[in-house]
N, C-alpha and C. Protein backbone atom coordinates (compact mmCIF):
# COMPACT_ATOMS: atom_id res chain seq x y z
N MET A 1 -98.30 57.59 113.19
CA MET A 1 -98.34 56.61 112.11
C MET A 1 -97.22 55.60 112.33
N MET A 2 -97.54 54.33 112.15
CA MET A 2 -96.52 53.30 112.32
C MET A 2 -95.77 53.11 111.01
N GLY A 3 -94.51 52.78 111.12
CA GLY A 3 -93.70 52.53 109.95
C GLY A 3 -92.90 51.26 110.12
N ILE A 4 -92.11 50.97 109.12
CA ILE A 4 -91.27 49.77 109.15
C ILE A 4 -89.88 50.18 109.59
N SER A 5 -89.35 49.47 110.55
CA SER A 5 -88.03 49.79 111.08
C SER A 5 -87.20 48.52 111.16
N GLN A 6 -85.94 48.65 110.88
CA GLN A 6 -85.02 47.52 111.01
C GLN A 6 -84.40 47.50 112.41
N GLU A 7 -84.76 48.46 113.24
CA GLU A 7 -84.20 48.59 114.59
C GLU A 7 -84.66 47.41 115.46
N ARG A 8 -83.75 46.89 116.25
CA ARG A 8 -84.06 45.79 117.17
C ARG A 8 -84.70 46.34 118.44
N THR A 9 -85.75 45.66 118.90
CA THR A 9 -86.41 46.04 120.15
C THR A 9 -86.55 44.79 120.99
N PRO A 10 -86.72 44.96 122.29
CA PRO A 10 -86.89 43.78 123.15
C PRO A 10 -88.11 42.96 122.74
N GLU A 11 -87.98 41.64 122.69
CA GLU A 11 -89.06 40.74 122.29
C GLU A 11 -90.35 41.00 123.05
N GLU A 12 -90.24 41.35 124.33
CA GLU A 12 -91.45 41.51 125.14
C GLU A 12 -92.29 42.71 124.72
N GLU A 13 -91.79 43.57 123.84
CA GLU A 13 -92.55 44.73 123.38
C GLU A 13 -93.28 44.46 122.07
N HIS A 14 -93.02 43.36 121.43
CA HIS A 14 -93.57 43.08 120.10
C HIS A 14 -95.00 42.57 120.14
N TRP A 15 -95.80 43.10 119.24
CA TRP A 15 -97.10 42.54 118.91
C TRP A 15 -96.86 41.71 117.65
N VAL A 16 -97.43 40.53 117.59
CA VAL A 16 -97.24 39.64 116.45
C VAL A 16 -98.60 39.39 115.80
N PHE A 17 -98.63 39.48 114.48
CA PHE A 17 -99.87 39.11 113.83
C PHE A 17 -99.63 38.29 112.58
N HIS A 18 -100.57 37.40 112.34
CA HIS A 18 -100.59 36.52 111.17
C HIS A 18 -101.82 36.89 110.36
N VAL A 19 -101.63 37.14 109.08
CA VAL A 19 -102.75 37.53 108.23
C VAL A 19 -102.86 36.59 107.04
N ASP A 20 -104.10 36.40 106.60
CA ASP A 20 -104.34 35.60 105.40
C ASP A 20 -105.62 36.09 104.75
N GLY A 21 -105.52 36.52 103.51
CA GLY A 21 -106.68 36.96 102.76
C GLY A 21 -107.11 35.88 101.79
N SER A 22 -108.36 35.95 101.39
CA SER A 22 -108.88 34.95 100.47
C SER A 22 -109.92 35.58 99.56
N SER A 23 -109.92 35.13 98.32
CA SER A 23 -110.91 35.59 97.35
C SER A 23 -111.41 34.38 96.58
N THR A 24 -112.75 34.23 96.54
CA THR A 24 -113.37 33.15 95.78
C THR A 24 -114.54 33.72 95.00
N MET A 25 -115.20 32.89 94.23
CA MET A 25 -116.38 33.31 93.48
C MET A 25 -117.51 33.73 94.44
N GLN A 26 -117.52 33.17 95.64
CA GLN A 26 -118.57 33.46 96.62
C GLN A 26 -118.31 34.76 97.39
N GLY A 27 -117.10 35.26 97.37
CA GLY A 27 -116.78 36.48 98.09
C GLY A 27 -115.34 36.50 98.54
N SER A 28 -115.00 37.53 99.30
CA SER A 28 -113.63 37.65 99.76
C SER A 28 -113.63 38.03 101.24
N GLY A 29 -112.51 37.76 101.89
CA GLY A 29 -112.40 38.06 103.31
C GLY A 29 -110.99 37.81 103.79
N ALA A 30 -110.84 37.83 105.10
CA ALA A 30 -109.52 37.67 105.68
C ALA A 30 -109.62 37.09 107.07
N GLY A 31 -108.54 36.43 107.46
CA GLY A 31 -108.40 35.93 108.82
C GLY A 31 -107.17 36.58 109.44
N VAL A 32 -107.27 36.95 110.71
CA VAL A 32 -106.19 37.63 111.40
C VAL A 32 -106.06 37.04 112.80
N VAL A 33 -104.84 36.74 113.20
CA VAL A 33 -104.56 36.34 114.58
C VAL A 33 -103.50 37.30 115.10
N ILE A 34 -103.83 38.00 116.18
CA ILE A 34 -102.93 38.97 116.78
C ILE A 34 -102.55 38.49 118.17
N THR A 35 -101.26 38.53 118.47
CA THR A 35 -100.76 38.15 119.80
C THR A 35 -100.13 39.36 120.45
N SER A 36 -100.63 39.72 121.63
CA SER A 36 -100.11 40.87 122.37
C SER A 36 -98.75 40.51 122.98
N PRO A 37 -98.01 41.51 123.45
CA PRO A 37 -96.74 41.22 124.11
C PRO A 37 -96.89 40.33 125.35
N GLN A 38 -98.09 40.32 125.94
CA GLN A 38 -98.34 39.49 127.12
C GLN A 38 -98.78 38.07 126.74
N GLY A 39 -98.86 37.78 125.43
CA GLY A 39 -99.22 36.43 124.98
C GLY A 39 -100.70 36.20 124.76
N GLU A 40 -101.52 37.24 124.86
CA GLU A 40 -102.96 37.12 124.64
C GLU A 40 -103.24 37.08 123.14
N ASP A 41 -103.98 36.04 122.70
CA ASP A 41 -104.34 35.91 121.29
C ASP A 41 -105.72 36.49 121.03
N MET A 42 -105.83 37.21 119.91
CA MET A 42 -107.11 37.73 119.44
C MET A 42 -107.29 37.26 118.01
N GLU A 43 -108.43 36.66 117.71
CA GLU A 43 -108.69 36.12 116.37
C GLU A 43 -109.84 36.89 115.74
N PHE A 44 -109.67 37.20 114.45
CA PHE A 44 -110.68 37.93 113.71
C PHE A 44 -110.91 37.25 112.36
N ALA A 45 -112.16 37.16 111.96
CA ALA A 45 -112.54 36.69 110.62
C ALA A 45 -113.40 37.80 110.02
N ILE A 46 -113.00 38.27 108.86
CA ILE A 46 -113.66 39.42 108.25
C ILE A 46 -114.16 39.05 106.86
N GLY A 47 -115.41 39.33 106.59
CA GLY A 47 -115.96 39.20 105.24
C GLY A 47 -116.06 40.59 104.64
N PHE A 48 -115.59 40.75 103.42
CA PHE A 48 -115.61 42.06 102.78
C PHE A 48 -116.91 42.25 102.01
N ASN A 49 -117.41 43.48 101.99
CA ASN A 49 -118.61 43.83 101.26
C ASN A 49 -118.28 44.34 99.86
N PHE A 50 -117.14 43.92 99.36
CA PHE A 50 -116.71 44.33 98.02
C PHE A 50 -115.90 43.18 97.42
N LYS A 51 -115.83 43.17 96.11
CA LYS A 51 -115.02 42.15 95.43
C LYS A 51 -113.55 42.53 95.56
N ALA A 52 -112.74 41.54 95.85
CA ALA A 52 -111.30 41.79 96.00
C ALA A 52 -110.53 40.62 95.41
N LEU A 53 -109.42 40.93 94.80
CA LEU A 53 -108.50 39.88 94.38
C LEU A 53 -107.81 39.34 95.63
N ASN A 54 -107.16 38.19 95.50
CA ASN A 54 -106.50 37.59 96.66
C ASN A 54 -105.49 38.53 97.29
N ASN A 55 -104.64 39.17 96.48
CA ASN A 55 -103.63 40.09 97.03
C ASN A 55 -104.28 41.29 97.70
N GLU A 56 -105.40 41.77 97.16
CA GLU A 56 -106.11 42.88 97.79
C GLU A 56 -106.65 42.46 99.16
N ALA A 57 -107.16 41.23 99.24
CA ALA A 57 -107.65 40.71 100.53
C ALA A 57 -106.50 40.59 101.52
N GLU A 58 -105.32 40.19 101.06
CA GLU A 58 -104.14 40.12 101.92
C GLU A 58 -103.78 41.51 102.46
N TYR A 59 -103.80 42.51 101.59
CA TYR A 59 -103.51 43.88 102.02
C TYR A 59 -104.53 44.37 103.04
N GLU A 60 -105.80 44.10 102.79
CA GLU A 60 -106.85 44.51 103.72
C GLU A 60 -106.62 43.89 105.10
N ALA A 61 -106.22 42.62 105.12
CA ALA A 61 -105.93 41.94 106.40
C ALA A 61 -104.75 42.60 107.10
N LEU A 62 -103.73 42.94 106.34
CA LEU A 62 -102.55 43.60 106.92
C LEU A 62 -102.92 44.97 107.50
N VAL A 63 -103.67 45.76 106.73
CA VAL A 63 -104.06 47.09 107.19
C VAL A 63 -104.95 46.99 108.43
N LEU A 64 -105.89 46.06 108.43
CA LEU A 64 -106.76 45.87 109.58
C LEU A 64 -105.94 45.53 110.82
N SER A 65 -104.98 44.63 110.68
CA SER A 65 -104.12 44.24 111.81
C SER A 65 -103.34 45.41 112.35
N MET A 66 -102.83 46.22 111.44
CA MET A 66 -102.05 47.39 111.86
C MET A 66 -102.95 48.40 112.60
N ARG A 67 -104.18 48.57 112.14
CA ARG A 67 -105.10 49.49 112.82
C ARG A 67 -105.47 48.99 114.21
N ILE A 68 -105.75 47.70 114.31
CA ILE A 68 -106.13 47.12 115.61
C ILE A 68 -104.98 47.27 116.61
N THR A 69 -103.77 46.91 116.18
CA THR A 69 -102.63 46.97 117.10
C THR A 69 -102.26 48.41 117.43
N GLN A 70 -102.41 49.31 116.48
CA GLN A 70 -102.13 50.72 116.74
C GLN A 70 -103.13 51.26 117.77
N ASP A 71 -104.41 50.91 117.61
CA ASP A 71 -105.42 51.34 118.58
C ASP A 71 -105.14 50.79 119.98
N ALA A 72 -104.47 49.63 120.04
CA ALA A 72 -104.13 49.03 121.32
C ALA A 72 -102.83 49.59 121.90
N GLY A 73 -102.18 50.50 121.16
CA GLY A 73 -100.97 51.14 121.66
C GLY A 73 -99.68 50.50 121.21
N ALA A 74 -99.73 49.61 120.24
CA ALA A 74 -98.52 48.92 119.78
C ALA A 74 -97.57 49.88 119.09
N LEU A 75 -96.29 49.68 119.35
CA LEU A 75 -95.25 50.45 118.69
C LEU A 75 -94.35 49.57 117.83
N HIS A 76 -94.25 48.28 118.19
CA HIS A 76 -93.37 47.36 117.49
C HIS A 76 -94.18 46.15 117.02
N LEU A 77 -94.14 45.90 115.72
CA LEU A 77 -94.94 44.83 115.14
C LEU A 77 -94.07 43.81 114.41
N ILE A 78 -94.52 42.58 114.47
CA ILE A 78 -93.95 41.52 113.64
C ILE A 78 -95.12 40.93 112.88
N ALA A 79 -95.07 41.01 111.56
CA ALA A 79 -96.18 40.54 110.73
C ALA A 79 -95.78 39.32 109.93
N TYR A 80 -96.71 38.38 109.81
CA TYR A 80 -96.50 37.18 109.01
C TYR A 80 -97.62 37.08 107.98
N SER A 81 -97.25 36.77 106.75
CA SER A 81 -98.21 36.59 105.67
C SER A 81 -97.69 35.51 104.74
N ASP A 82 -98.61 34.79 104.12
CA ASP A 82 -98.19 33.77 103.15
C ASP A 82 -98.09 34.35 101.73
N SER A 83 -98.31 35.64 101.60
CA SER A 83 -98.23 36.30 100.30
C SER A 83 -96.83 36.86 100.08
N GLN A 84 -96.11 36.26 99.16
CA GLN A 84 -94.75 36.72 98.86
C GLN A 84 -94.78 38.17 98.34
N LEU A 85 -95.78 38.51 97.54
CA LEU A 85 -95.90 39.86 97.01
C LEU A 85 -96.04 40.88 98.14
N ILE A 86 -96.93 40.61 99.07
CA ILE A 86 -97.17 41.54 100.18
C ILE A 86 -95.91 41.69 101.03
N VAL A 87 -95.29 40.59 101.38
CA VAL A 87 -94.09 40.62 102.23
C VAL A 87 -92.99 41.43 101.56
N LYS A 88 -92.73 41.17 100.28
CA LYS A 88 -91.65 41.87 99.59
C LYS A 88 -91.95 43.35 99.42
N GLN A 89 -93.21 43.70 99.17
CA GLN A 89 -93.55 45.11 99.05
C GLN A 89 -93.40 45.84 100.38
N VAL A 90 -93.86 45.22 101.47
CA VAL A 90 -93.75 45.85 102.79
C VAL A 90 -92.29 46.02 103.19
N LYS A 91 -91.45 45.05 102.85
CA LYS A 91 -90.03 45.13 103.19
C LYS A 91 -89.25 46.04 102.23
N GLY A 92 -89.93 46.53 101.18
CA GLY A 92 -89.27 47.41 100.22
C GLY A 92 -88.40 46.68 99.22
N GLU A 93 -88.58 45.37 99.10
CA GLU A 93 -87.78 44.57 98.17
C GLU A 93 -88.41 44.50 96.79
N TYR A 94 -89.68 44.87 96.69
CA TYR A 94 -90.36 44.81 95.41
C TYR A 94 -91.27 46.01 95.29
N MET A 95 -91.16 46.70 94.20
CA MET A 95 -92.03 47.84 93.95
C MET A 95 -92.85 47.54 92.70
N LYS A 96 -94.09 47.95 92.72
CA LYS A 96 -94.96 47.76 91.57
C LYS A 96 -94.41 48.59 90.41
N PRO A 97 -94.25 47.96 89.23
CA PRO A 97 -93.73 48.74 88.09
C PRO A 97 -94.73 49.83 87.69
N ARG A 98 -94.20 50.96 87.31
CA ARG A 98 -95.05 52.06 86.86
C ARG A 98 -95.41 51.86 85.40
N ARG A 99 -96.63 52.23 85.08
CA ARG A 99 -97.08 52.12 83.70
C ARG A 99 -96.43 53.21 82.85
N LYS A 100 -96.12 52.84 81.63
CA LYS A 100 -95.61 53.83 80.68
C LYS A 100 -96.82 54.48 80.02
N VAL A 101 -96.76 55.79 79.89
CA VAL A 101 -97.87 56.52 79.28
C VAL A 101 -97.58 56.79 77.85
């Protein structure tokens, strides 16, 4: 299982991915661009078969990117997203408040 690490690794070992989720009245989906350590770009456009809020679509894009890179043998990832919520949650800077019962 891959995790988040603050440890520095050589740049040439990093896989980089950019994710963007979208939700509209017509449906939801995501776009993903993954760059291998050798500089090879892979682009994916995904349409979801379920209704998703924008942040949910962003998470789906992030999870998909992590699965693809893990299957390719990646150990070190650099992820980019335009969702402040997703970035802060992944970095551990923001936690969803728990509901009071």
